Amino acid sequence: MRSGLTIGLVLYLLLPSLHIFPTLLDDYLSEKFDESWEVIYEEGTVEDGLTALLKVKSQRWRGIDWYHNVGVFVPKNLKCRDRGVIFIAGDYKPSDFIILKMIAEKFEAPFATVWNIPNQPIFGMREDDLIAYSFLMFVRTGEKDWPLLLPMVQGVKASVDSVISYLESKGLKVKKFLATGASKRGWTTYLIGAMDDRIFAIAPIVFDNLNFKKQMDHQIEAYGWYSEEIEEYWSRGLMDELKTEKGKVLLDAVDPYSYVEKLTLPKLIVLATNDRYWIVDSLNIYFDELKGLKYVLYNPNEEHNISDTARIVEGISAFFKGVILNNLPKLSWEFNNGGTELIVYPNGKLDYFKYYTAESDSLDFRDSFWQEHHDFRMEGDHYIVKVEKPSSGYRAYFAELKYSGYPGFIFTTTMRILKSEKD
């Protein structure tokens, strides 16, 4: 009897974290939705370059029909005919069409932009304000469809359906996609990657918050309080609510860390060093636990809204091609000697190698300047960086490398923070 109770207790503790039991997101996506789509605008052909705008109805949520503008771009230089890209975006901007056509050419593949993730404003709110409100309503009412990330993921899923059908009508049988998006859409990128097997790779941008509980504890450690950028959440008391039973159910559904066993697909994590939403080394909380091929691209001296979009496009498009060509490098690295030494093993020829450092009086690096350095050492096929501990305060650093040849991968290592012996 005692053995049975012990096994039962172990199962109770382990199974939710492994998601053998369905989450709110699983339940929501299993529903049958009234999906539809139509072509609003179309120009060109697959052979000469095709541009189209679809109008997609993805669902009815809380009595509100959700619609999405979906731009489909097939470039003239099309090389990949069976895989494409899904770019998850916020408000619809027709003025983006020109640049999106250029981005599609960089990928050399069908490229679709899904706007209106989420539909907004709703209840007079937008973005984090709306998401935080939906979370609070769930923990207060227990009504399972409240968390806004659920319809956001369904919005992408329905849009993928429409893109596949539309491209098939043009003679392109695209069945698999790389998903990417920034901020809340980066959050959605992780979730759609876990829930939809048509997504073969992901490139989440500036969402550095997997394992919510540890991340929030880390913010208290670094800042003394939570970031001002997530005030919509902590001002509503959600940090305390997340510790309740309903809060745990919510986190199981919306924290991508909950799906770490399912997120085995290749991933490129794109981050900004001066992002005011997160701590500078937030990635270290979860990176080692991610499964499968995983790469990082830190963007030095960039905030949450990364200005160097060309670098982002170059990095993600090369990653996309590398997954398809199965020629991603076996990049690895290790920090030694208390973190003061970084050894990088590129396993490939490089165009360049460099590293960046930044200083701060505390663990708050949001206003720090990242300085580029080239004083590394080569030994055989690896690169060695040595960084001294600061005389006071803190010093952070990471390395960046670009590979030679097609498609020209750009990756960075993870980050290490060194603390002064005096502090």
Protein backbone atom coordinates (compact mmCIF):
# COMPACT_ATOMS: atom_id res chain seq x y z
CA MET A 1 0.00 0.00 0.00
CA ARG A 2 2.80 2.38 0.92
CA SER A 3 4.56 1.64 -2.37
CA GLY A 4 1.38 2.42 -4.30
CA LEU A 5 0.97 5.75 -2.53
CA THR A 6 4.58 6.62 -3.25
CA ILE A 7 4.22 5.83 -6.95
CA GLY A 8 0.99 7.77 -7.07
CA LEU A 9 2.61 10.79 -5.47
CA VAL A 10 5.56 10.66 -7.87
CA LEU A 11 3.20 10.48 -10.85
CA TYR A 12 1.19 13.41 -9.54
CA LEU A 13 4.33 15.52 -9.23
CA LEU A 14 5.95 14.47 -12.50
CA LEU A 15 3.19 14.05 -15.05
CA PRO A 16 2.01 17.67 -15.24
CA SER A 17 5.55 18.87 -15.91
CA LEU A 18 5.91 16.30 -18.68
CA HIS A 19 2.50 17.28 -20.05
CA ILE A 20 1.10 13.81 -20.31
CA PHE A 21 -2.04 15.55 -19.09
CA PRO A 22 -3.37 18.17 -21.56
CA THR A 23 -3.00 21.87 -20.80
CA LEU A 24 -5.52 24.65 -21.36
CA LEU A 25 -3.79 25.25 -24.69
CA ASP A 26 -4.14 21.60 -25.72
CA ASP A 27 -7.83 21.71 -24.85
CA TYR A 28 -8.42 24.99 -26.68
CA LEU A 29 -6.70 23.90 -29.89
CA SER A 30 -8.63 20.62 -29.91
CA GLU A 31 -11.91 22.51 -30.34
CA LYS A 32 -13.55 22.87 -33.75
CA PHE A 33 -13.48 26.47 -34.93
CA ASP A 34 -15.40 28.17 -37.70
CA GLU A 35 -12.37 28.96 -39.86
CA SER A 36 -12.53 30.58 -43.28
CA TRP A 37 -10.37 32.60 -45.64
CA GLU A 38 -10.63 34.59 -48.85
CA VAL A 39 -8.28 36.34 -51.25
CA ILE A 40 -8.49 40.13 -50.94
CA TYR A 41 -5.67 41.06 -53.30
CA GLU A 42 -3.37 39.19 -55.66
CA GLU A 43 -0.64 40.26 -58.03
CA GLY A 44 1.89 38.35 -60.13
CA THR A 45 2.64 34.66 -60.54
CA VAL A 46 4.77 32.06 -58.82
CA GLU A 47 7.26 32.21 -61.70
CA ASP A 48 7.61 36.01 -61.72
CA GLY A 49 6.98 36.76 -58.05
CA LEU A 50 3.62 36.56 -56.32
CA THR A 51 2.07 38.87 -53.73
CA ALA A 52 -1.31 38.20 -52.14
CA LEU A 53 -3.38 39.38 -49.19
CA LEU A 54 -5.72 36.91 -47.51
CA LYS A 55 -8.42 37.63 -44.97
CA VAL A 56 -8.60 34.80 -42.44
CA LYS A 57 -11.22 34.14 -39.79
CA SER A 58 -9.59 31.96 -37.15
CA GLN A 59 -12.18 31.63 -34.39
CA ARG A 60 -14.75 33.21 -32.14
CA TRP A 61 -13.26 34.05 -28.73
CA ARG A 62 -15.30 35.41 -25.83
CA GLY A 63 -18.04 36.35 -28.30
CA ILE A 64 -15.60 38.16 -30.62
CA ASP A 65 -14.73 36.98 -34.13
CA TRP A 66 -10.99 37.05 -34.79
CA TYR A 67 -9.78 38.07 -38.25
CA HIS A 68 -6.24 38.22 -39.59
CA ASN A 69 -4.66 39.90 -42.57
CA VAL A 70 -2.22 37.40 -44.02
CA GLY A 71 0.31 38.52 -46.60
CA VAL A 72 1.78 35.84 -48.87
CA PHE A 73 5.00 36.59 -50.75
CA VAL A 74 6.58 34.20 -53.25
CA PRO A 75 9.89 35.71 -54.43
CA LYS A 76 11.18 35.73 -58.00
CA ASN A 77 14.32 33.92 -56.84
CA LEU A 78 12.31 31.03 -55.39
CA LYS A 79 14.58 28.08 -54.58
CA CYS A 80 12.67 26.26 -51.86
CA ARG A 81 9.24 25.11 -53.03
CA ASP A 82 8.17 22.82 -50.20
CA ARG A 83 9.02 24.83 -47.07
CA GLY A 84 8.25 28.38 -46.10
CA VAL A 85 8.26 31.00 -43.37
CA ILE A 86 5.48 32.22 -41.09
CA PHE A 87 6.21 35.66 -39.63
CA ILE A 88 3.85 36.42 -36.73
CA ALA A 89 3.08 40.13 -36.45
CA GLY A 90 0.89 42.58 -34.58
CA ASP A 91 -1.09 45.40 -36.17
CA TYR A 92 -1.65 45.25 -39.91
CA LYS A 93 0.57 47.66 -41.86
CA PRO A 94 0.08 47.70 -45.66
CA SER A 95 3.20 49.88 -45.91
CA ASP A 96 5.27 46.85 -44.87
CA PHE A 97 4.56 45.02 -48.13
CA ILE A 98 7.60 46.37 -49.98
CA ILE A 99 10.08 45.38 -47.29
CA LEU A 100 8.37 42.00 -46.77
CA LYS A 101 8.80 41.21 -50.47
CA MET A 102 12.51 41.98 -50.08
CA ILE A 103 12.72 39.76 -46.99
CA ALA A 104 11.08 36.91 -48.91
CA GLU A 105 13.87 37.23 -51.48
CA LYS A 106 16.44 36.80 -48.71
CA PHE A 107 14.79 33.55 -47.67
CA GLU A 108 14.35 32.38 -51.30
CA ALA A 109 11.15 30.69 -50.14
CA PRO A 110 7.42 31.36 -49.71
CA PHE A 111 7.07 33.91 -46.91
CA ALA A 112 3.79 34.62 -45.11
CA THR A 113 3.10 37.37 -42.58
CA VAL A 114 0.26 36.77 -40.14
CA TRP A 115 -0.96 40.08 -38.76
CA ASN A 116 -3.42 40.83 -35.96
CA ILE A 117 -1.87 38.50 -33.38
CA PRO A 118 -3.67 39.28 -31.18
CA ASN A 119 -6.79 40.98 -32.47
CA GLN A 120 -6.80 44.31 -30.63
CA PRO A 121 -7.94 46.45 -29.02
CA ILE A 122 -10.31 44.20 -27.08
CA PHE A 123 -12.13 45.49 -23.99
CA GLY A 124 -10.33 48.79 -24.66
CA MET A 125 -6.89 47.20 -24.12
CA ARG A 126 -3.88 46.18 -26.19
CA GLU A 127 -0.69 44.12 -25.99
CA ASP A 128 0.58 43.34 -22.44
CA ASP A 129 -2.34 45.17 -20.86
CA LEU A 130 -4.77 42.88 -22.66
CA ILE A 131 -2.78 39.71 -21.98
CA ALA A 132 -2.41 40.51 -18.28
CA TYR A 133 -6.14 41.24 -18.00
CA SER A 134 -6.97 37.90 -19.63
CA PHE A 135 -4.68 36.08 -17.20
CA LEU A 136 -6.30 37.79 -14.24
CA MET A 137 -9.76 36.89 -15.49
CA PHE A 138 -8.73 33.24 -15.73
CA VAL A 139 -7.40 33.02 -12.17
CA ARG A 140 -10.49 34.83 -10.89
CA THR A 141 -13.15 32.91 -12.84
CA GLY A 142 -11.50 29.63 -13.79
CA GLU A 143 -13.04 29.92 -17.28
CA LYS A 144 -10.58 27.95 -19.37
CA ASP A 145 -10.56 29.99 -22.57
CA TRP A 146 -9.56 33.31 -20.95
CA PRO A 147 -5.74 33.33 -21.40
CA LEU A 148 -5.12 35.40 -24.53
CA LEU A 149 -2.19 33.27 -25.69
CA LEU A 150 -4.70 30.52 -26.51
CA PRO A 151 -6.51 32.42 -29.28
CA MET A 152 -3.20 33.94 -30.37
CA VAL A 153 -1.81 30.47 -31.10
CA GLN A 154 -5.07 29.41 -32.76
CA GLY A 155 -4.87 32.54 -34.92
CA VAL A 156 -1.49 31.42 -36.23
CA LYS A 157 -2.65 27.82 -36.66
CA ALA A 158 -5.67 28.84 -38.76
CA SER A 159 -3.51 31.19 -40.82
CA VAL A 160 -1.08 28.36 -41.57
CA ASP A 161 -4.09 26.37 -42.82
CA SER A 162 -5.02 29.20 -45.17
CA VAL A 163 -1.48 29.75 -46.46
CA ILE A 164 -1.08 26.05 -47.25
CA SER A 165 -4.39 25.99 -49.13
CA TYR A 166 -3.66 29.20 -51.03
CA LEU A 167 -0.16 28.14 -52.10
CA GLU A 168 -1.47 24.75 -53.16
CA SER A 169 -3.96 26.52 -55.45
CA LYS A 170 -0.90 28.10 -57.09
CA GLY A 171 0.91 24.81 -57.54
CA LEU A 172 3.15 25.02 -54.48
CA LYS A 173 2.86 22.21 -51.96
CA VAL A 174 4.34 23.84 -48.88
CA LYS A 175 3.67 21.72 -45.81
CA LYS A 176 6.32 22.86 -43.32
CA PHE A 177 7.25 26.30 -42.00
CA LEU A 178 9.78 28.09 -39.87
CA ALA A 179 7.88 30.31 -37.42
CA THR A 180 9.24 33.60 -36.16
CA GLY A 181 7.97 36.71 -34.41
CA ALA A 182 9.02 39.30 -31.84
CA SER A 183 8.03 39.98 -28.23
CA LYS A 184 4.49 38.66 -27.61
CA ARG A 185 4.74 37.13 -31.07
CA GLY A 186 8.04 35.52 -30.03
CA TRP A 187 6.15 34.04 -27.10
CA THR A 188 3.56 32.77 -29.57
CA THR A 189 6.36 31.38 -31.75
CA TYR A 190 7.49 29.06 -28.98
CA LEU A 191 3.94 27.86 -28.35
CA ILE A 192 3.01 27.22 -31.99
CA GLY A 193 6.32 25.37 -32.33
CA ALA A 194 5.29 23.08 -29.50
CA MET A 195 1.69 22.57 -30.67
CA ASP A 196 1.81 22.34 -34.48
CA ASP A 197 3.96 19.70 -36.19
CA ARG A 198 3.87 21.70 -39.44
CA ILE A 199 6.39 24.03 -37.80
CA PHE A 200 9.84 22.53 -38.46
CA ALA A 201 11.96 25.28 -36.86
CA ILE A 202 11.48 28.43 -34.80
CA ALA A 203 13.28 31.76 -34.41
CA PRO A 204 11.69 33.60 -31.46
CA ILE A 205 12.81 37.23 -31.19
CA VAL A 206 13.22 39.20 -27.92
CA PHE A 207 11.22 36.81 -25.76
CA ASP A 208 13.69 35.81 -23.05
CA ASN A 209 11.28 34.58 -20.40
CA LEU A 210 11.07 30.79 -20.36
CA ASN A 211 10.54 29.39 -16.86
CA PHE A 212 8.46 32.32 -15.63
CA LYS A 213 8.89 31.63 -11.93
CA LYS A 214 12.69 31.58 -11.99
CA GLN A 215 12.73 34.59 -14.33
CA MET A 216 10.66 36.67 -11.93
CA ASP A 217 12.86 35.64 -9.00
CA HIS A 218 15.88 36.67 -11.08
CA GLN A 219 14.34 40.09 -11.75
CA ILE A 220 13.93 40.67 -8.02
CA GLU A 221 17.56 39.63 -7.51
CA ALA A 222 18.87 41.94 -10.25
CA TYR A 223 16.53 44.93 -10.11
CA GLY A 224 15.13 44.75 -6.60
CA TRP A 225 11.69 44.63 -8.21
CA TYR A 226 10.09 43.57 -11.48
CA SER A 227 10.89 45.35 -14.74
CA GLU A 228 8.83 48.44 -15.48
CA GLU A 229 8.10 46.91 -18.88
CA ILE A 230 5.93 44.21 -17.30
CA GLU A 231 4.05 46.56 -14.98
CA GLU A 232 0.74 45.50 -16.53
CA TYR A 233 1.28 42.10 -14.90
CA TRP A 234 2.71 42.90 -11.47
CA SER A 235 0.46 45.92 -10.89
CA ARG A 236 -2.53 43.57 -11.11
CA GLY A 237 -1.07 41.26 -8.48
CA LEU A 238 -0.46 38.49 -10.99
CA MET A 239 2.91 37.54 -9.51
CA ASP A 240 1.14 36.37 -6.36
CA GLU A 241 -1.72 34.81 -8.33
CA LEU A 242 0.76 32.67 -10.27
CA LYS A 243 1.66 30.91 -7.02
CA THR A 244 -1.91 29.63 -6.58
CA GLU A 245 -3.31 26.39 -8.00
CA LYS A 246 -5.02 28.27 -10.84
CA GLY A 247 -1.80 30.15 -11.43
CA LYS A 248 0.04 26.87 -11.88
CA VAL A 249 -2.58 25.71 -14.40
CA LEU A 250 -2.10 29.00 -16.26
CA LEU A 251 1.69 28.67 -16.33
CA ASP A 252 1.44 25.06 -17.52
CA ALA A 253 -0.45 26.38 -20.54
CA VAL A 254 1.39 29.59 -21.46
CA ASP A 255 4.98 29.20 -20.23
CA PRO A 256 6.96 27.72 -23.15
CA TYR A 257 9.20 26.06 -20.57
CA SER A 258 6.27 23.70 -19.86
CA TYR A 259 6.71 22.27 -23.36
CA VAL A 260 10.48 21.84 -23.27
CA GLU A 261 10.16 18.10 -23.97
CA LYS A 262 8.13 18.86 -27.12
CA LEU A 263 10.29 21.73 -28.34
CA THR A 264 12.88 19.48 -29.96
CA LEU A 265 12.81 21.28 -33.32
CA PRO A 266 15.78 23.47 -34.38
CA LYS A 267 15.67 26.90 -32.79
CA LEU A 268 17.50 30.21 -33.16
CA ILE A 269 16.94 32.46 -30.16
CA VAL A 270 17.31 36.13 -31.14
CA LEU A 271 17.87 38.56 -28.25
CA ALA A 272 18.87 42.16 -27.52
CA THR A 273 21.51 42.92 -24.89
CA ASN A 274 19.75 46.06 -23.61
CA ASP A 275 16.19 44.72 -23.60
CA ARG A 276 14.44 46.36 -20.66
CA TYR A 277 11.92 43.53 -20.32
CA TRP A 278 14.42 40.93 -19.12
CA ILE A 279 17.70 40.43 -17.26
CA VAL A 280 20.80 40.44 -19.44
CA ASP A 281 21.54 36.76 -18.72
CA SER A 282 17.93 35.49 -18.60
CA LEU A 283 18.78 32.96 -21.30
CA ASN A 284 21.05 31.07 -18.89
CA ILE A 285 18.03 30.03 -16.83
CA TYR A 286 16.70 27.76 -19.56
CA PHE A 287 19.14 27.39 -22.46
CA ASP A 288 20.84 24.21 -21.22
CA GLU A 289 17.45 22.51 -20.81
CA LEU A 290 16.30 23.14 -24.38
CA LYS A 291 16.32 20.00 -26.52
CA GLY A 292 17.60 19.53 -30.06
CA LEU A 293 19.61 21.94 -32.21
CA LYS A 294 19.76 25.37 -30.59
CA TYR A 295 21.58 28.58 -31.45
CA VAL A 296 21.75 32.12 -30.08
CA LEU A 297 22.01 35.53 -31.72
CA TYR A 298 22.55 38.37 -29.24
CA ASN A 299 22.35 41.86 -30.74
CA PRO A 300 24.71 44.21 -28.91
CA ASN A 301 23.53 47.68 -27.87
CA GLU A 302 20.00 46.95 -29.03
CA GLU A 303 16.80 47.35 -27.03
CA HIS A 304 13.50 45.46 -27.26
CA ASN A 305 12.67 47.00 -30.63
CA ILE A 306 15.79 45.93 -32.50
CA SER A 307 16.74 48.57 -35.06
CA ASP A 308 19.15 46.48 -37.15
CA THR A 309 16.50 44.46 -38.98
CA ALA A 310 18.95 43.59 -41.76
CA ARG A 311 21.07 41.63 -39.27
CA ILE A 312 18.01 39.80 -37.98
CA VAL A 313 16.88 38.87 -41.49
CA GLU A 314 20.38 37.75 -42.41
CA GLY A 315 20.68 35.62 -39.28
CA ILE A 316 17.27 33.95 -39.48
CA SER A 317 17.34 33.39 -43.25
CA ALA A 318 20.74 31.68 -43.00
CA PHE A 319 19.41 29.53 -40.16
CA PHE A 320 16.33 28.63 -42.24
CA LYS A 321 18.50 27.51 -45.15
CA GLY A 322 20.85 25.63 -42.84
CA VAL A 323 18.01 23.57 -41.42
CA ILE A 324 16.76 22.71 -44.91
CA LEU A 325 20.23 21.91 -46.26
CA ASN A 326 21.12 20.02 -43.09
CA ASN A 327 24.42 21.88 -42.84
CA LEU A 328 24.06 23.74 -39.55
CA PRO A 329 27.45 23.82 -37.80
CA LYS A 330 28.08 21.80 -34.66
CA LEU A 331 28.93 24.92 -32.69
CA SER A 332 29.79 24.50 -29.01
CA TRP A 333 31.46 26.48 -26.24
CA GLU A 334 32.43 26.29 -22.59
CA PHE A 335 33.24 28.74 -19.81
CA ASN A 336 36.19 27.82 -17.59
CA ASN A 337 38.21 29.23 -14.69
CA GLY A 338 35.26 30.68 -12.84
CA GLY A 339 33.82 32.08 -16.05
CA THR A 340 36.86 34.19 -16.96
CA GLU A 341 37.75 31.98 -19.94
CA LEU A 342 35.52 31.17 -22.90
CA ILE A 343 36.52 28.47 -25.39
CA VAL A 344 34.52 28.34 -28.63
CA TYR A 345 34.54 25.38 -31.03
CA PRO A 346 33.03 26.61 -34.34
CA ASN A 347 33.48 23.34 -36.28
CA GLY A 348 33.63 25.35 -39.48
CA LYS A 349 35.52 28.10 -41.29
CA LEU A 350 34.76 31.64 -40.11
CA ASP A 351 34.61 35.05 -41.75
CA TYR A 352 35.15 36.64 -38.36
CA PHE A 353 35.26 36.05 -34.62
CA LYS A 354 34.92 38.70 -31.92
CA TYR A 355 33.54 39.22 -28.47
CA TYR A 356 31.71 41.93 -26.55
CA THR A 357 31.95 43.16 -22.96
CA ALA A 358 29.86 45.52 -20.87
CA GLU A 359 30.18 46.96 -17.36
CA SER A 360 27.63 47.75 -14.67
CA ASP A 361 27.60 48.67 -10.99
CA SER A 362 24.87 46.05 -10.48
CA LEU A 363 23.21 43.19 -12.34
CA ASP A 364 21.23 45.82 -14.24
CA PHE A 365 22.89 46.12 -17.67
CA ARG A 366 20.01 47.86 -19.42
CA ASP A 367 21.94 51.10 -19.93
CA SER A 368 25.39 49.55 -20.41
CA PHE A 369 27.45 49.95 -23.57
CA TRP A 370 28.75 46.79 -25.23
CA GLN A 371 32.33 47.16 -26.44
CA GLU A 372 33.66 45.06 -29.33
CA HIS A 373 36.99 43.22 -28.87
CA HIS A 374 39.34 41.20 -31.09
CA ASP A 375 42.09 40.20 -28.62
CA PHE A 376 41.33 36.49 -28.62
CA ARG A 377 43.68 33.55 -29.10
CA MET A 378 43.44 30.63 -31.52
CA GLU A 379 44.58 27.13 -30.66
CA GLY A 380 44.00 24.55 -33.35
CA ASP A 381 40.35 24.65 -34.33
CA HIS A 382 39.07 26.66 -31.37
CA TYR A 383 39.06 30.24 -30.13
CA ILE A 384 39.94 31.32 -26.59
CA VAL A 385 38.69 34.49 -24.93
CA LYS A 386 39.97 35.60 -21.53
CA VAL A 387 38.13 38.30 -19.60
CA GLU A 388 39.25 39.52 -16.19
CA LYS A 389 36.88 40.12 -13.33
CA PRO A 390 36.13 43.84 -12.87
CA SER A 391 37.79 45.87 -10.13
CA SER A 392 34.29 46.79 -8.96
CA GLY A 393 30.75 45.94 -9.94
CA TYR A 394 30.02 43.49 -12.75
CA ARG A 395 31.28 42.65 -16.23
CA ALA A 396 29.34 40.61 -18.81
CA TYR A 397 30.60 39.13 -22.06
CA PHE A 398 29.78 36.83 -24.98
CA ALA A 399 31.36 35.92 -28.33
CA GLU A 400 30.03 36.33 -31.87
CA LEU A 401 31.05 34.44 -34.99
CA LYS A 402 30.10 34.46 -38.65
CA TYR A 403 30.68 31.43 -40.84
CA SER A 404 32.17 31.56 -44.33
CA GLY A 405 30.30 30.44 -47.41
CA TYR A 406 26.62 29.89 -48.10
CA PRO A 407 24.37 30.64 -46.31
CA GLY A 408 26.60 32.66 -43.92
CA PHE A 409 25.48 31.79 -40.40
CA ILE A 410 25.74 34.40 -37.64
CA PHE A 411 25.64 33.07 -34.09
CA THR A 412 26.73 34.09 -30.62
CA THR A 413 27.50 32.19 -27.47
CA THR A 414 25.51 32.52 -24.29
CA MET A 415 26.56 35.19 -21.81
CA ARG A 416 28.58 35.10 -18.62
CA ILE A 417 28.54 37.74 -15.86
CA LEU A 418 31.66 38.21 -13.74
CA LYS A 419 31.47 39.77 -10.29
CA SER A 420 34.19 41.85 -8.65
CA GLU A 421 35.98 40.18 -5.76
CA LYS A 422 35.17 43.28 -3.70
CA ASP A 423 31.35 43.01 -4.08
